[in-house]
Amino acid sequence: MAPADRTEARAAPPKLSDVRDLIDESTFEQIMEMDDDDDCDFSRGIVYGFFDQAKSTFTNIKTALEKKDLEELSQLGHFLKGSSATLGLIHVRDGCEKIQHFGNGLEENGSGKLADDVALKNIEKTLKEVEVEYAKVEKFLRRFYGEEVQDEPEPQPEPQPEPKEEKPAVVSEKAPAKPLENGSDKGPEKEKVKAEEKSTEPAKNHVTDQKSKVDEESKK
């Protein structure tokens, strides 16, 4: 019997239809129409160029957050929104648009004004969400162009801390003093009285002695 062929067949590249919630199929196909019939070098170059562009922009957004530069943040969001829209990256595009609005001091839909500190917090939160969505499309597109990509845990947005319930303070009642056992007079108060009595005894004897001497002198 011939030995079994242990060579594993290479997995077929994924299809755009598998990720319709991440990538707009019709938009991406417009990029692919520019490829030659026998290769995908043109569209691959655009996609891989976007990878570098996105990572660089994420770094610049974090730097602008540290500087609290809302104007720069708005421009960076607008820039990456356009690039991701060209490729049909739905969630990345939408997240970058939110960053653009927050940078302009507006609500995520472009209406209403926001305080600067609120806008900065919203951008920080939205950036983490965009990075999660970007990681998904990057992994898919690398596989789409034939690159072998290992499954790694995708970055997850940090969970928001739940508000802690404050418990009412419990006032502990002091236990009543224990009565002296067997009528003992050795309590702290009685000990104090005894000590005072002892301290006054010498003084009384001294006064008595002085009075006796005076009486004796008067009799003479």
N, C-alpha and C. Protein backbone atom coordinates (compact mmCIF):
# COMPACT_ATOMS: atom_id res chain seq x y z
N MET A 1 0.86 -1.20 0.00
CA MET A 1 0.00 0.00 0.00
C MET A 1 0.89 1.24 0.00
N ALA A 2 0.53 2.19 -0.84
CA ALA A 2 1.32 3.41 -0.92
C ALA A 2 1.09 4.25 0.32
N PRO A 3 2.16 4.92 0.80
CA PRO A 3 1.98 5.75 2.00
C PRO A 3 1.02 6.90 1.74
N ALA A 4 0.31 7.23 2.78
CA ALA A 4 -0.68 8.32 2.64
C ALA A 4 0.03 9.63 2.38
N ASP A 5 -0.56 10.43 1.53
CA ASP A 5 0.00 11.73 1.20
C ASP A 5 -0.31 12.70 2.35
N ARG A 6 0.76 13.09 3.06
CA ARG A 6 0.55 13.96 4.22
C ARG A 6 0.60 15.44 3.86
N THR A 7 0.79 15.74 2.60
CA THR A 7 0.84 17.14 2.19
C THR A 7 -0.55 17.75 2.29
N GLU A 8 -0.66 18.78 3.12
CA GLU A 8 -1.96 19.43 3.31
C GLU A 8 -2.18 20.44 2.19
N ALA A 9 -3.37 20.39 1.64
CA ALA A 9 -3.70 21.35 0.59
C ALA A 9 -3.80 22.75 1.18
N ARG A 10 -3.27 23.70 0.48
CA ARG A 10 -3.30 25.08 0.95
C ARG A 10 -4.73 25.60 0.89
N ALA A 11 -5.13 26.26 1.97
CA ALA A 11 -6.51 26.76 2.04
C ALA A 11 -6.75 27.80 0.96
N ALA A 12 -7.93 27.73 0.38
CA ALA A 12 -8.29 28.71 -0.65
C ALA A 12 -8.43 30.09 0.00
N PRO A 13 -8.06 31.15 -0.72
CA PRO A 13 -8.19 32.49 -0.14
C PRO A 13 -9.65 32.80 0.17
N PRO A 14 -9.89 33.57 1.20
CA PRO A 14 -11.28 33.91 1.55
C PRO A 14 -11.92 34.79 0.48
N LYS A 15 -13.23 34.86 0.52
CA LYS A 15 -13.98 35.66 -0.45
C LYS A 15 -14.49 36.94 0.20
N LEU A 16 -14.62 37.96 -0.62
CA LEU A 16 -15.15 39.23 -0.12
C LEU A 16 -16.56 39.08 0.43
N SER A 17 -17.29 38.15 -0.14
CA SER A 17 -18.66 37.94 0.33
C SER A 17 -18.71 37.41 1.76
N ASP A 18 -17.55 36.91 2.26
CA ASP A 18 -17.51 36.40 3.63
C ASP A 18 -17.47 37.51 4.67
N VAL A 19 -17.11 38.70 4.23
CA VAL A 19 -16.93 39.80 5.19
C VAL A 19 -17.71 41.05 4.75
N ARG A 20 -18.94 40.84 4.35
CA ARG A 20 -19.74 41.97 3.88
C ARG A 20 -20.01 42.99 4.99
N ASP A 21 -19.94 42.55 6.23
CA ASP A 21 -20.16 43.49 7.33
C ASP A 21 -18.93 44.34 7.60
N LEU A 22 -17.76 43.93 7.05
CA LEU A 22 -16.52 44.67 7.26
C LEU A 22 -16.10 45.48 6.04
N ILE A 23 -16.29 44.89 4.85
CA ILE A 23 -15.81 45.51 3.61
C ILE A 23 -16.95 45.62 2.61
N ASP A 24 -17.12 46.80 2.06
CA ASP A 24 -18.13 46.99 1.01
C ASP A 24 -17.61 46.34 -0.28
N GLU A 25 -18.28 45.28 -0.69
CA GLU A 25 -17.78 44.46 -1.80
C GLU A 25 -17.68 45.25 -3.10
N SER A 26 -18.69 46.02 -3.43
CA SER A 26 -18.69 46.74 -4.70
C SER A 26 -17.57 47.78 -4.75
N THR A 27 -17.30 48.45 -3.63
CA THR A 27 -16.23 49.45 -3.59
C THR A 27 -14.87 48.80 -3.79
N PHE A 28 -14.65 47.68 -3.12
CA PHE A 28 -13.34 47.02 -3.23
C PHE A 28 -13.13 46.44 -4.63
N GLU A 29 -14.19 45.97 -5.22
CA GLU A 29 -14.08 45.40 -6.57
C GLU A 29 -13.68 46.46 -7.60
N GLN A 30 -14.04 47.70 -7.36
CA GLN A 30 -13.62 48.78 -8.27
C GLN A 30 -12.10 48.92 -8.26
N ILE A 31 -11.48 48.70 -7.12
CA ILE A 31 -10.01 48.73 -7.05
C ILE A 31 -9.42 47.55 -7.81
N MET A 32 -10.06 46.39 -7.64
CA MET A 32 -9.53 45.18 -8.28
C MET A 32 -9.69 45.22 -9.80
N GLU A 33 -10.61 45.99 -10.30
CA GLU A 33 -10.80 46.09 -11.76
C GLU A 33 -9.59 46.72 -12.45
N MET A 34 -8.74 47.39 -11.70
CA MET A 34 -7.54 48.00 -12.26
C MET A 34 -6.38 47.01 -12.38
N ASP A 35 -6.56 45.82 -11.81
CA ASP A 35 -5.51 44.79 -11.89
C ASP A 35 -5.43 44.22 -13.30
N ASP A 36 -4.25 43.68 -13.63
CA ASP A 36 -4.12 42.92 -14.87
C ASP A 36 -4.84 41.59 -14.72
N ASP A 37 -5.08 40.94 -15.82
CA ASP A 37 -5.82 39.68 -15.78
C ASP A 37 -5.06 38.58 -15.05
N ASP A 38 -3.73 38.62 -15.10
CA ASP A 38 -2.96 37.52 -14.55
C ASP A 38 -2.37 37.79 -13.17
N ASP A 39 -2.58 38.94 -12.62
CA ASP A 39 -2.08 39.21 -11.26
C ASP A 39 -2.91 40.31 -10.59
N CYS A 40 -2.64 40.49 -9.30
CA CYS A 40 -3.37 41.51 -8.51
C CYS A 40 -2.38 42.51 -7.91
N ASP A 41 -1.29 42.75 -8.62
CA ASP A 41 -0.23 43.59 -8.07
C ASP A 41 -0.71 45.01 -7.78
N PHE A 42 -1.55 45.55 -8.64
CA PHE A 42 -1.98 46.94 -8.46
C PHE A 42 -2.80 47.09 -7.17
N SER A 43 -3.85 46.28 -7.04
CA SER A 43 -4.70 46.40 -5.85
C SER A 43 -3.95 46.00 -4.59
N ARG A 44 -3.06 45.02 -4.71
CA ARG A 44 -2.27 44.60 -3.55
C ARG A 44 -1.39 45.76 -3.06
N GLY A 45 -0.80 46.47 -4.00
CA GLY A 45 0.04 47.61 -3.63
C GLY A 45 -0.75 48.69 -2.90
N ILE A 46 -1.97 48.94 -3.36
CA ILE A 46 -2.82 49.94 -2.69
C ILE A 46 -3.17 49.48 -1.28
N VAL A 47 -3.55 48.21 -1.15
CA VAL A 47 -3.98 47.68 0.15
C VAL A 47 -2.82 47.67 1.14
N TYR A 48 -1.67 47.17 0.71
CA TYR A 48 -0.54 47.09 1.64
C TYR A 48 0.00 48.48 1.97
N GLY A 49 -0.14 49.40 1.04
CA GLY A 49 0.21 50.79 1.35
C GLY A 49 -0.71 51.37 2.41
N PHE A 50 -1.97 50.97 2.35
CA PHE A 50 -2.93 51.42 3.36
C PHE A 50 -2.56 50.89 4.74
N PHE A 51 -2.07 49.65 4.82
CA PHE A 51 -1.67 49.09 6.11
C PHE A 51 -0.64 50.00 6.78
N ASP A 52 0.39 50.38 6.03
CA ASP A 52 1.43 51.25 6.60
C ASP A 52 0.85 52.61 6.98
N GLN A 53 -0.01 53.12 6.13
CA GLN A 53 -0.62 54.43 6.37
C GLN A 53 -1.47 54.42 7.63
N ALA A 54 -2.25 53.36 7.81
CA ALA A 54 -3.15 53.28 8.96
C ALA A 54 -2.35 53.20 10.26
N LYS A 55 -1.33 52.35 10.29
CA LYS A 55 -0.54 52.20 11.52
C LYS A 55 0.17 53.50 11.87
N SER A 56 0.68 54.19 10.86
CA SER A 56 1.33 55.48 11.11
C SER A 56 0.33 56.50 11.64
N THR A 57 -0.87 56.49 11.09
CA THR A 57 -1.90 57.44 11.54
C THR A 57 -2.34 57.15 12.96
N PHE A 58 -2.46 55.88 13.32
CA PHE A 58 -2.82 55.53 14.70
C PHE A 58 -1.78 56.09 15.67
N THR A 59 -0.51 55.95 15.31
CA THR A 59 0.56 56.48 16.16
C THR A 59 0.45 57.99 16.29
N ASN A 60 0.18 58.66 15.18
CA ASN A 60 0.05 60.13 15.21
C ASN A 60 -1.16 60.58 16.02
N ILE A 61 -2.23 59.80 15.97
CA ILE A 61 -3.42 60.14 16.76
C ILE A 61 -3.10 60.05 18.25
N LYS A 62 -2.37 59.02 18.65
CA LYS A 62 -2.01 58.86 20.06
C LYS A 62 -1.11 60.01 20.52
N THR A 63 -0.20 60.43 19.65
CA THR A 63 0.66 61.57 19.99
C THR A 63 -0.17 62.85 20.15
N ALA A 64 -1.11 63.06 19.24
CA ALA A 64 -1.97 64.24 19.31
C ALA A 64 -2.86 64.20 20.55
N LEU A 65 -3.26 63.01 20.97
CA LEU A 65 -4.05 62.88 22.19
C LEU A 65 -3.24 63.33 23.40
N GLU A 66 -1.97 62.94 23.45
CA GLU A 66 -1.12 63.34 24.56
C GLU A 66 -0.97 64.86 24.61
N LYS A 67 -0.92 65.47 23.43
CA LYS A 67 -0.79 66.94 23.35
C LYS A 67 -2.13 67.65 23.47
N LYS A 68 -3.23 66.88 23.46
CA LYS A 68 -4.59 67.43 23.51
C LYS A 68 -4.84 68.39 22.35
N ASP A 69 -4.31 68.00 21.18
CA ASP A 69 -4.42 68.84 19.97
C ASP A 69 -5.64 68.39 19.17
N LEU A 70 -6.78 68.99 19.46
CA LEU A 70 -8.03 68.57 18.82
C LEU A 70 -8.03 68.86 17.32
N GLU A 71 -7.43 69.96 16.93
CA GLU A 71 -7.41 70.29 15.50
C GLU A 71 -6.63 69.22 14.71
N GLU A 72 -5.49 68.82 15.24
CA GLU A 72 -4.69 67.78 14.58
C GLU A 72 -5.45 66.45 14.56
N LEU A 73 -6.15 66.15 15.64
CA LEU A 73 -6.92 64.91 15.72
C LEU A 73 -8.02 64.89 14.67
N SER A 74 -8.67 66.02 14.47
CA SER A 74 -9.72 66.09 13.45
C SER A 74 -9.14 65.85 12.06
N GLN A 75 -7.98 66.43 11.79
CA GLN A 75 -7.36 66.26 10.47
C GLN A 75 -6.92 64.82 10.24
N LEU A 76 -6.38 64.18 11.27
CA LEU A 76 -5.95 62.78 11.13
C LEU A 76 -7.14 61.86 10.92
N GLY A 77 -8.24 62.13 11.64
CA GLY A 77 -9.44 61.33 11.44
C GLY A 77 -9.98 61.48 10.03
N HIS A 78 -9.98 62.71 9.53
CA HIS A 78 -10.45 62.97 8.17
C HIS A 78 -9.56 62.27 7.14
N PHE A 79 -8.26 62.30 7.36
CA PHE A 79 -7.31 61.70 6.43
C PHE A 79 -7.53 60.18 6.32
N LEU A 80 -7.60 59.50 7.48
CA LEU A 80 -7.75 58.04 7.44
C LEU A 80 -9.15 57.63 7.02
N LYS A 81 -10.12 58.50 7.26
CA LYS A 81 -11.48 58.22 6.79
C LYS A 81 -11.50 58.11 5.27
N GLY A 82 -10.82 59.01 4.60
CA GLY A 82 -10.80 58.98 3.14
C GLY A 82 -10.12 57.74 2.59
N SER A 83 -8.99 57.36 3.19
CA SER A 83 -8.26 56.18 2.71
C SER A 83 -9.06 54.91 2.91
N SER A 84 -9.68 54.78 4.08
CA SER A 84 -10.45 53.56 4.36
C SER A 84 -11.73 53.52 3.52
N ALA A 85 -12.30 54.68 3.22
CA ALA A 85 -13.50 54.71 2.37
C ALA A 85 -13.17 54.27 0.95
N THR A 86 -11.97 54.59 0.47
CA THR A 86 -11.57 54.18 -0.88
C THR A 86 -11.55 52.67 -1.02
N LEU A 87 -11.20 51.97 0.07
CA LEU A 87 -11.16 50.51 0.04
C LEU A 87 -12.47 49.88 0.50
N GLY A 88 -13.40 50.69 0.96
CA GLY A 88 -14.69 50.14 1.40
C GLY A 88 -14.65 49.53 2.78
N LEU A 89 -13.73 49.99 3.62
CA LEU A 89 -13.61 49.44 4.99
C LEU A 89 -14.62 50.16 5.88
N ILE A 90 -15.76 49.54 6.04
CA ILE A 90 -16.94 50.20 6.60
C ILE A 90 -16.71 50.75 8.01
N HIS A 91 -16.33 49.87 8.94
CA HIS A 91 -16.24 50.28 10.34
C HIS A 91 -15.04 51.18 10.60
N VAL A 92 -13.95 50.95 9.89
CA VAL A 92 -12.78 51.83 10.03
C VAL A 92 -13.14 53.23 9.55
N ARG A 93 -13.82 53.30 8.42
CA ARG A 93 -14.25 54.60 7.88
C ARG A 93 -15.16 55.33 8.86
N ASP A 94 -16.15 54.62 9.38
CA ASP A 94 -17.12 55.26 10.28
C ASP A 94 -16.45 55.73 11.57
N GLY A 95 -15.54 54.91 12.10
CA GLY A 95 -14.84 55.31 13.32
C GLY A 95 -13.97 56.53 13.12
N CYS A 96 -13.30 56.59 11.98
CA CYS A 96 -12.45 57.76 11.68
C CYS A 96 -13.28 59.02 11.50
N GLU A 97 -14.47 58.86 10.97
CA GLU A 97 -15.36 60.02 10.83
C GLU A 97 -15.77 60.56 12.20
N LYS A 98 -15.99 59.66 13.14
CA LYS A 98 -16.32 60.09 14.50
C LYS A 98 -15.15 60.87 15.11
N ILE A 99 -13.93 60.36 14.90
CA ILE A 99 -12.75 61.06 15.42
C ILE A 99 -12.65 62.46 14.81
N GLN A 100 -12.97 62.57 13.53
CA GLN A 100 -12.96 63.87 12.86
C GLN A 100 -13.94 64.83 13.53
N HIS A 101 -15.16 64.36 13.81
CA HIS A 101 -16.17 65.21 14.44
C HIS A 101 -15.78 65.57 15.87
N PHE A 102 -15.30 64.59 16.62
CA PHE A 102 -14.89 64.88 18.00
C PHE A 102 -13.77 65.91 18.03
N GLY A 103 -12.84 65.81 17.07
CA GLY A 103 -11.76 66.78 17.00
C GLY A 103 -12.25 68.18 16.73
N ASN A 104 -13.40 68.29 16.07
CA ASN A 104 -14.02 69.60 15.82
C ASN A 104 -14.92 70.04 16.96
N GLY A 105 -14.91 69.26 18.06
CA GLY A 105 -15.74 69.61 19.21
C GLY A 105 -17.20 69.33 19.02
N LEU A 106 -17.52 68.34 18.15
CA LEU A 106 -18.92 68.01 17.86
C LEU A 106 -19.25 66.60 18.32
N GLU A 107 -20.56 66.32 18.37
CA GLU A 107 -21.00 64.95 18.65
C GLU A 107 -20.54 64.04 17.52
N GLU A 108 -20.65 62.72 17.72
CA GLU A 108 -20.15 61.77 16.73
C GLU A 108 -20.86 61.88 15.39
N ASN A 109 -22.09 62.39 15.40
CA ASN A 109 -22.82 62.55 14.13
C ASN A 109 -22.65 63.94 13.52
N GLY A 110 -21.78 64.76 14.14
CA GLY A 110 -21.50 66.08 13.59
C GLY A 110 -22.40 67.18 14.09
N SER A 111 -23.26 66.89 15.05
CA SER A 111 -24.17 67.91 15.60
C SER A 111 -23.87 68.10 17.07
N GLY A 112 -24.23 69.27 17.58
CA GLY A 112 -24.04 69.53 19.01
C GLY A 112 -22.57 69.76 19.36
N LYS A 113 -22.35 70.61 20.37
CA LYS A 113 -20.98 70.94 20.78
C LYS A 113 -20.58 70.10 21.99
N LEU A 114 -19.28 69.82 22.06
CA LEU A 114 -18.74 69.05 23.17
C LEU A 114 -17.64 69.85 23.86
N ALA A 115 -17.52 69.66 25.16
CA ALA A 115 -16.38 70.24 25.88
C ALA A 115 -15.11 69.53 25.44
N ASP A 116 -13.98 70.21 25.53
CA ASP A 116 -12.72 69.65 25.04
C ASP A 116 -12.37 68.34 25.74
N ASP A 117 -12.54 68.29 27.08
CA ASP A 117 -12.17 67.07 27.79
C ASP A 117 -13.05 65.90 27.39
N VAL A 118 -14.33 66.17 27.13
CA VAL A 118 -15.24 65.10 26.69
C VAL A 118 -14.85 64.63 25.29
N ALA A 119 -14.51 65.56 24.41
CA ALA A 119 -14.11 65.21 23.05
C ALA A 119 -12.86 64.34 23.06
N LEU A 120 -11.90 64.67 23.90
CA LEU A 120 -10.65 63.89 23.98
C LEU A 120 -10.92 62.47 24.48
N LYS A 121 -11.78 62.34 25.47
CA LYS A 121 -12.12 61.01 25.98
C LYS A 121 -12.83 60.19 24.91
N ASN A 122 -13.70 60.82 24.15
CA ASN A 122 -14.41 60.12 23.09
C ASN A 122 -13.46 59.66 21.99
N ILE A 123 -12.48 60.49 21.67
CA ILE A 123 -11.50 60.11 20.64
C ILE A 123 -10.67 58.92 21.11
N GLU A 124 -10.25 58.97 22.36
CA GLU A 124 -9.45 57.86 22.91
C GLU A 124 -10.22 56.55 22.85
N LYS A 125 -11.49 56.59 23.23
CA LYS A 125 -12.33 55.40 23.21
C LYS A 125 -12.56 54.92 21.77
N THR A 126 -12.86 55.85 20.87
CA THR A 126 -13.14 55.49 19.48
C THR A 126 -11.91 54.93 18.78
N LEU A 127 -10.74 55.46 19.09
CA LEU A 127 -9.51 54.96 18.48
C LEU A 127 -9.31 53.47 18.80
N LYS A 128 -9.57 53.09 20.03
CA LYS A 128 -9.43 51.68 20.41
C LYS A 128 -10.40 50.81 19.61
N GLU A 129 -11.60 51.30 19.40
CA GLU A 129 -12.59 50.55 18.61
C GLU A 129 -12.15 50.43 17.15
N VAL A 130 -11.60 51.52 16.61
CA VAL A 130 -11.13 51.51 15.22
C VAL A 130 -9.98 50.52 15.05
N GLU A 131 -9.09 50.47 16.01
CA GLU A 131 -7.95 49.55 15.93
C GLU A 131 -8.41 48.10 15.93
N VAL A 132 -9.47 47.82 16.67
CA VAL A 132 -10.03 46.45 16.67
C VAL A 132 -10.57 46.11 15.29
N GLU A 133 -11.34 47.03 14.69
CA GLU A 133 -11.92 46.78 13.37
C GLU A 133 -10.83 46.71 12.30
N TYR A 134 -9.82 47.54 12.44
CA TYR A 134 -8.71 47.51 11.48
C TYR A 134 -8.00 46.16 11.51
N ALA A 135 -7.77 45.63 12.70
CA ALA A 135 -7.07 44.34 12.82
C ALA A 135 -7.84 43.23 12.09
N LYS A 136 -9.16 43.30 12.14
CA LYS A 136 -9.98 42.29 11.45
C LYS A 136 -9.80 42.36 9.94
N VAL A 137 -9.88 43.57 9.38
CA VAL A 137 -9.78 43.69 7.92
C VAL A 137 -8.36 43.45 7.44
N GLU A 138 -7.37 43.82 8.23
CA GLU A 138 -5.98 43.57 7.82
C GLU A 138 -5.73 42.06 7.70
N LYS A 139 -6.17 41.31 8.69
CA LYS A 139 -5.97 39.86 8.66
C LYS A 139 -6.68 39.25 7.46
N PHE A 140 -7.92 39.70 7.21
CA PHE A 140 -8.66 39.15 6.07
C PHE A 140 -7.96 39.48 4.76
N LEU A 141 -7.56 40.73 4.56
CA LEU A 141 -6.98 41.15 3.28
C LEU A 141 -5.62 40.50 3.03
N ARG A 142 -4.84 40.30 4.06
CA ARG A 142 -3.56 39.61 3.87
C ARG A 142 -3.81 38.18 3.38
N ARG A 143 -4.79 37.53 3.96
CA ARG A 143 -5.14 36.18 3.49
C ARG A 143 -5.74 36.22 2.09
N PHE A 144 -6.50 37.26 1.82
CA PHE A 144 -7.12 37.41 0.51
C PHE A 144 -6.06 37.46 -0.59
N TYR A 145 -4.92 38.07 -0.28
CA TYR A 145 -3.83 38.17 -1.27
C TYR A 145 -2.81 37.05 -1.12
N GLY A 146 -3.21 35.97 -0.45
CA GLY A 146 -2.39 34.77 -0.42
C GLY A 146 -1.36 34.70 0.68
N GLU A 147 -1.36 35.62 1.59
CA GLU A 147 -0.39 35.60 2.68
C GLU A 147 -0.90 34.70 3.80
N GLU A 148 0.00 33.90 4.35
CA GLU A 148 -0.38 33.05 5.47
C GLU A 148 -0.31 33.87 6.75
N VAL A 149 -1.42 33.96 7.42
CA VAL A 149 -1.50 34.77 8.63
C VAL A 149 -1.94 33.88 9.79
N GLN A 150 -1.16 33.91 10.85
CA GLN A 150 -1.51 33.13 12.04
C GLN A 150 -2.65 33.81 12.78
N ASP A 151 -3.52 32.98 13.33
CA ASP A 151 -4.61 33.52 14.13
C ASP A 151 -4.05 34.00 15.46
N GLU A 152 -4.19 35.26 15.72
CA GLU A 152 -3.76 35.85 16.97
C GLU A 152 -4.96 36.54 17.62
N PRO A 153 -4.94 36.61 18.95
CA PRO A 153 -6.06 37.31 19.59
C PRO A 153 -6.14 38.75 19.13
N GLU A 154 -7.32 39.13 18.71
CA GLU A 154 -7.52 40.49 18.23
C GLU A 154 -7.62 41.44 19.41
N PRO A 155 -7.11 42.66 19.26
CA PRO A 155 -7.23 43.63 20.36
C PRO A 155 -8.69 43.91 20.67
N GLN A 156 -8.98 44.00 21.94
CA GLN A 156 -10.35 44.25 22.37
C GLN A 156 -10.42 45.60 23.07
N PRO A 157 -11.54 46.30 22.89
CA PRO A 157 -11.69 47.56 23.62
C PRO A 157 -11.68 47.30 25.12
N GLU A 158 -11.11 48.23 25.86
CA GLU A 158 -11.06 48.06 27.30
C GLU A 158 -12.46 48.21 27.88
N PRO A 159 -12.85 47.26 28.77
CA PRO A 159 -14.18 47.38 29.37
C PRO A 159 -14.26 48.59 30.27
N GLN A 160 -15.42 49.21 30.27
CA GLN A 160 -15.63 50.38 31.11
C GLN A 160 -15.88 49.92 32.54
N PRO A 161 -15.20 50.53 33.53
CA PRO A 161 -15.40 50.12 34.92
C PRO A 161 -16.82 50.40 35.38
N GLU A 162 -17.39 49.44 36.10
CA GLU A 162 -18.74 49.62 36.61
C GLU A 162 -18.69 50.49 37.87
N PRO A 163 -19.66 51.41 38.02
CA PRO A 163 -19.66 52.25 39.22
C PRO A 163 -19.88 51.41 40.47
N LYS A 164 -19.09 51.68 41.50
CA LYS A 164 -19.19 50.92 42.74
C LYS A 164 -20.28 51.51 43.62
N GLU A 165 -21.07 50.63 44.22
CA GLU A 165 -22.11 51.08 45.13
C GLU A 165 -21.50 51.34 46.50
N GLU A 166 -21.76 52.53 47.01
CA GLU A 166 -21.23 52.87 48.32
C GLU A 166 -22.15 52.33 49.40
N LYS A 167 -21.58 51.53 50.29
CA LYS A 167 -22.36 50.95 51.37
C LYS A 167 -22.42 51.94 52.53
N PRO A 168 -23.60 52.08 53.18
CA PRO A 168 -23.69 53.01 54.32
C PRO A 168 -22.78 52.57 55.45
N ALA A 169 -22.18 53.55 56.09
CA ALA A 169 -21.27 53.24 57.18
C ALA A 169 -22.05 52.66 58.35
N VAL A 170 -21.51 51.62 58.96
CA VAL A 170 -22.15 50.97 60.10
C VAL A 170 -21.48 51.46 61.37
N VAL A 171 -22.28 52.08 62.27
CA VAL A 171 -21.74 52.58 63.53
C VAL A 171 -21.83 51.47 64.56
N SER A 172 -20.70 51.07 65.05
CA SER A 172 -20.69 49.97 66.03
C SER A 172 -20.93 50.54 67.42
N GLU A 173 -21.84 49.90 68.17
CA GLU A 173 -22.14 50.34 69.52
C GLU A 173 -21.14 49.73 70.49
N LYS A 174 -20.68 50.59 71.42
CA LYS A 174 -19.72 50.09 72.40
C LYS A 174 -20.43 49.20 73.40
N ALA A 175 -19.79 48.13 73.74
CA ALA A 175 -20.36 47.21 74.72
C ALA A 175 -20.34 47.88 76.09
N PRO A 176 -21.42 47.73 76.90
CA PRO A 176 -21.45 48.34 78.24
C PRO A 176 -20.36 47.75 79.12
N ALA A 177 -19.89 48.58 80.04
CA ALA A 177 -18.84 48.10 80.94
C ALA A 177 -19.38 46.97 81.80
N LYS A 178 -18.55 45.98 82.02
CA LYS A 178 -18.96 44.84 82.83
C LYS A 178 -18.96 45.22 84.30
N PRO A 179 -20.00 44.81 85.03
CA PRO A 179 -20.02 45.11 86.47
C PRO A 179 -18.91 44.34 87.18
N LEU A 180 -18.45 44.90 88.29
CA LEU A 180 -17.40 44.23 89.05
C LEU A 180 -17.94 42.95 89.65
N GLU A 181 -17.16 41.93 89.56
CA GLU A 181 -17.60 40.63 90.06
C GLU A 181 -17.44 40.57 91.57
N ASN A 182 -18.43 39.90 92.25
CA ASN A 182 -18.41 39.61 93.69
C ASN A 182 -18.27 40.88 94.54
N GLY A 183 -18.83 42.00 94.03
CA GLY A 183 -18.80 43.22 94.82
C GLY A 183 -17.42 43.74 95.06
N SER A 184 -16.50 43.43 94.26
CA SER A 184 -15.11 43.85 94.45
C SER A 184 -15.01 45.37 94.38
N ASP A 185 -14.21 45.98 95.26
CA ASP A 185 -14.03 47.42 95.25
C ASP A 185 -12.72 47.80 94.60
N LYS A 186 -12.25 46.94 93.67
CA LYS A 186 -10.97 47.20 93.03
C LYS A 186 -11.11 47.86 91.67
N GLY A 187 -12.25 48.53 91.44
CA GLY A 187 -12.42 49.25 90.18
C GLY A 187 -11.48 50.43 90.10
N PRO A 188 -11.30 50.98 88.90
CA PRO A 188 -10.36 52.09 88.74
C PRO A 188 -10.73 53.32 89.55
N GLU A 189 -12.06 53.61 89.73
CA GLU A 189 -12.46 54.80 90.47
C GLU A 189 -12.13 54.66 91.95
N LYS A 190 -12.43 53.46 92.49
CA LYS A 190 -12.17 53.25 93.91
C LYS A 190 -10.67 53.23 94.20
N GLU A 191 -9.91 52.70 93.27
CA GLU A 191 -8.46 52.72 93.44
C GLU A 191 -7.96 54.15 93.49
N LYS A 192 -8.55 55.03 92.66
CA LYS A 192 -8.16 56.43 92.62
C LYS A 192 -8.48 57.12 93.94
N VAL A 193 -9.68 56.83 94.50
CA VAL A 193 -10.09 57.44 95.76
C VAL A 193 -9.15 57.03 96.88
N LYS A 194 -8.80 55.75 96.88
CA LYS A 194 -7.90 55.26 97.92
C LYS A 194 -6.55 55.95 97.85
N ALA A 195 -6.08 56.13 96.61
CA ALA A 195 -4.78 56.77 96.44
C ALA A 195 -4.82 58.20 96.95
N GLU A 196 -5.97 58.91 96.71
CA GLU A 196 -6.09 60.28 97.19
C GLU A 196 -6.14 60.33 98.71
N GLU A 197 -6.83 59.36 99.32
CA GLU A 197 -6.91 59.33 100.78
C GLU A 197 -5.53 59.14 101.39
N LYS A 198 -4.76 58.26 100.78
CA LYS A 198 -3.42 58.00 101.30
C LYS A 198 -2.54 59.24 101.18
N SER A 199 -2.70 59.98 100.06
CA SER A 199 -1.85 61.14 99.85
C SER A 199 -2.19 62.27 100.82
N THR A 200 -3.43 62.30 101.39
CA THR A 200 -3.83 63.37 102.32
C THR A 200 -3.52 63.04 103.76
N GLU A 201 -3.31 61.78 104.08
CA GLU A 201 -3.07 61.39 105.48
C GLU A 201 -1.84 62.06 106.08
N PRO A 202 -0.70 62.07 105.42
CA PRO A 202 0.47 62.73 106.02
C PRO A 202 0.21 64.21 106.28
N ALA A 203 -0.51 64.86 105.40
CA ALA A 203 -0.79 66.28 105.58
C ALA A 203 -1.62 66.51 106.84
N LYS A 204 -2.64 65.64 107.12
CA LYS A 204 -3.47 65.78 108.31
C LYS A 204 -2.63 65.60 109.59
N ASN A 205 -1.77 64.63 109.61
CA ASN A 205 -0.92 64.37 110.78
C ASN A 205 0.00 65.55 111.06
N HIS A 206 0.51 66.18 110.03
CA HIS A 206 1.42 67.32 110.18
C HIS A 206 0.68 68.50 110.80
N VAL A 207 -0.55 68.75 110.37
CA VAL A 207 -1.35 69.84 110.94
C VAL A 207 -1.64 69.57 112.39
N THR A 208 -1.98 68.34 112.75
CA THR A 208 -2.29 67.97 114.13
C THR A 208 -1.07 68.18 115.02
N ASP A 209 0.07 67.80 114.54
CA ASP A 209 1.30 67.96 115.32
C ASP A 209 1.59 69.42 115.59
N GLN A 210 1.41 70.28 114.59
CA GLN A 210 1.66 71.71 114.76
C GLN A 210 0.71 72.32 115.77
N LYS A 211 -0.57 71.88 115.76
CA LYS A 211 -1.56 72.41 116.70
C LYS A 211 -1.21 72.02 118.12
N SER A 212 -0.75 70.80 118.31
CA SER A 212 -0.37 70.33 119.65
C SER A 212 0.77 71.16 120.19
N LYS A 213 1.74 71.48 119.37
CA LYS A 213 2.87 72.29 119.82
C LYS A 213 2.42 73.68 120.25
N VAL A 214 1.48 74.26 119.49
CA VAL A 214 0.98 75.60 119.83
C VAL A 214 0.27 75.57 121.17
N ASP A 215 -0.53 74.52 121.43
CA ASP A 215 -1.24 74.40 122.70
C ASP A 215 -0.27 74.30 123.86
N GLU A 216 0.78 73.54 123.70
CA GLU A 216 1.75 73.37 124.77
C GLU A 216 2.45 74.68 125.08
N GLU A 217 2.76 75.49 124.08
CA GLU A 217 3.43 76.76 124.29
C GLU A 217 2.53 77.74 125.04
N SER A 218 1.22 77.69 124.74
CA SER A 218 0.29 78.61 125.39
C SER A 218 0.09 78.29 126.87
N LYS A 219 0.26 77.03 127.24
CA LYS A 219 0.09 76.62 128.63
C LYS A 219 1.28 77.05 129.50
N LYS A 220 2.41 77.23 128.90
CA LYS A 220 3.60 77.56 129.67
C LYS A 220 3.55 78.98 130.21
